[in-house]
């Protein structure tokens, strides 16, 4: 004969404390759940919430598909269908173009020369 031991679990009457961490956005000043920040912003000393349009993380694969689609939509992309890898590739294309445009603007700006200080004798 095999004996079965019955284990009873007792539920505590105490409610579990809310374990959601909150952070204050350095742009809007609102206290928001860490779920409202991308992973790099959570680690940042000056976090910017997703509503305040933080800079893209260097590793786009840490973004959720919903976040990637949001960034694509903000850049005017209408085709938001595809696998995560395809969406990341499309977003990376936009990021690369934006970097090229910024570099072109910097090259076009004339260098500002400092005028020598007038020495009064």
Protein backbone atom coordinates (compact mmCIF):
# COMPACT_ATOMS: atom_id res chain seq x y z
CA UNK A 1 0.00 0.00 0.00
CA UNK A 2 1.22 3.43 -0.83
CA UNK A 3 0.43 6.18 1.55
CA UNK A 4 -0.25 9.64 0.20
CA UNK A 5 0.60 12.60 2.29
CA UNK A 6 -1.73 15.50 1.88
CA UNK A 7 -0.22 18.91 2.19
CA UNK A 8 -2.54 21.74 2.96
CA UNK A 9 -1.65 25.26 2.07
CA UNK A 10 -2.90 27.99 4.26
CA UNK A 11 -3.44 31.36 2.75
CA UNK A 12 -2.43 34.32 4.76
CA UNK A 13 -5.04 36.94 5.51
CA UNK A 14 -2.41 39.58 4.93
CA UNK A 15 -2.28 41.14 1.50
CA UNK A 16 1.01 41.02 -0.32
CA UNK A 17 2.63 44.45 -0.58
CA UNK A 18 2.71 46.06 -4.00
CA UNK A 19 6.18 45.32 -5.33
CA UNK A 20 6.06 47.69 -8.32
CA UNK A 21 8.97 50.08 -8.26
CA UNK A 22 8.39 53.66 -9.21
CA UNK A 23 10.80 56.25 -10.54
CA UNK A 24 10.55 59.96 -11.16
CA UNK A 25 10.92 61.03 -14.78
CA UNK A 26 13.67 63.62 -15.17
CA UNK A 27 11.67 65.40 -17.92
CA UNK A 28 8.05 65.54 -16.73
CA UNK A 29 8.72 64.98 -13.01
CA UNK A 30 5.94 62.39 -12.68
CA UNK A 31 6.45 59.30 -10.55
CA UNK A 32 5.78 56.27 -12.75
CA UNK A 33 6.17 52.51 -12.61
CA UNK A 34 9.43 51.09 -13.96
CA UNK A 35 7.29 49.43 -16.62
CA UNK A 36 6.87 52.91 -18.11
CA UNK A 37 10.62 53.15 -18.87
CA UNK A 38 12.80 51.19 -21.27
CA UNK A 39 15.46 48.99 -19.64
CA UNK A 40 18.35 51.40 -20.24
CA UNK A 41 16.36 54.26 -18.71
CA UNK A 42 15.60 52.19 -15.59
CA UNK A 43 19.37 51.92 -15.03
CA UNK A 44 20.00 55.60 -15.80
CA UNK A 45 20.66 58.21 -13.13
CA UNK A 46 18.34 60.62 -15.02
CA UNK A 47 15.57 58.36 -16.34
CA UNK A 48 13.15 59.59 -19.00
CA UNK A 49 9.77 57.84 -19.19
CA UNK A 50 8.44 56.42 -22.46
CA UNK A 51 5.81 59.19 -22.65
CA UNK A 52 8.57 61.82 -22.77
CA UNK A 53 10.28 60.07 -25.72
CA UNK A 54 13.59 58.85 -24.29
CA UNK A 55 16.51 58.20 -26.61
CA UNK A 56 16.50 54.77 -28.19
CA UNK A 57 18.52 52.15 -26.35
CA UNK A 58 21.77 51.11 -28.02
CA UNK A 59 20.51 47.52 -28.11
CA UNK A 60 17.14 47.64 -29.87
CA UNK A 61 16.43 43.99 -29.08
CA UNK A 62 15.63 44.89 -25.46
CA UNK A 63 12.56 46.79 -26.65
CA UNK A 64 9.19 45.11 -26.76
CA UNK A 65 7.39 44.73 -30.09
CA UNK A 66 4.85 47.35 -28.93
CA UNK A 67 7.67 49.83 -28.18
CA UNK A 68 9.37 49.14 -31.53
CA UNK A 69 6.09 49.72 -33.35
CA UNK A 70 5.65 52.98 -31.44
CA UNK A 71 9.09 54.21 -32.51
CA UNK A 72 8.41 53.18 -36.12
CA UNK A 73 5.03 54.92 -36.10
CA UNK A 74 6.63 58.08 -34.69
CA UNK A 75 9.00 58.03 -37.66
CA UNK A 76 6.13 57.81 -40.15
CA UNK A 77 6.32 54.07 -40.84
CA UNK A 78 2.93 52.72 -41.91
CA UNK A 79 3.90 49.05 -42.21
CA UNK A 80 3.92 47.86 -38.60
CA UNK A 81 3.49 44.17 -39.41
CA UNK A 82 6.25 41.60 -39.12
CA UNK A 83 8.43 39.62 -36.78
CA UNK A 84 10.37 41.42 -34.07
CA UNK A 85 13.66 40.97 -35.95
CA UNK A 86 12.14 42.56 -39.09
CA UNK A 87 10.76 45.49 -37.09
CA UNK A 88 14.14 46.02 -35.42
CA UNK A 89 15.86 45.99 -38.82
CA UNK A 90 13.43 48.64 -40.10
CA UNK A 91 13.89 50.78 -36.99
CA UNK A 92 17.69 50.43 -37.25
CA UNK A 93 17.43 51.75 -40.82
CA UNK A 94 15.67 54.87 -39.55
CA UNK A 95 18.25 55.29 -36.77
CA UNK A 96 21.14 54.99 -39.24
CA UNK A 97 19.53 57.58 -41.57
CA UNK A 98 18.98 59.96 -38.65
CA UNK A 99 22.63 59.66 -37.62
CA UNK A 100 23.78 60.32 -41.19
CA UNK A 101 21.55 63.41 -41.38
CA UNK A 102 22.91 64.73 -38.06
CA UNK A 103 26.49 64.23 -39.25
CA UNK A 104 25.72 66.04 -42.53
CA UNK A 105 24.27 69.02 -40.64
CA UNK A 106 27.32 69.19 -38.39
CA UNK A 107 29.65 69.16 -41.42
CA UNK A 108 27.66 71.97 -43.09
CA UNK A 109 27.84 74.32 -40.10
CA UNK A 110 30.72 76.79 -40.38
CA UNK A 111 33.31 76.66 -37.64
CA UNK A 112 32.98 79.52 -35.19
CA UNK A 113 36.26 81.28 -34.71
CA UNK A 114 36.94 83.11 -31.51
CA UNK A 115 37.90 86.72 -31.90
CA UNK A 116 41.08 87.73 -30.15
CA UNK A 117 40.49 89.76 -27.02
CA UNK A 118 41.09 93.49 -27.43
CA UNK A 119 43.98 94.50 -25.31
CA UNK A 120 43.74 98.02 -24.08
CA UNK A 121 47.05 99.77 -23.42
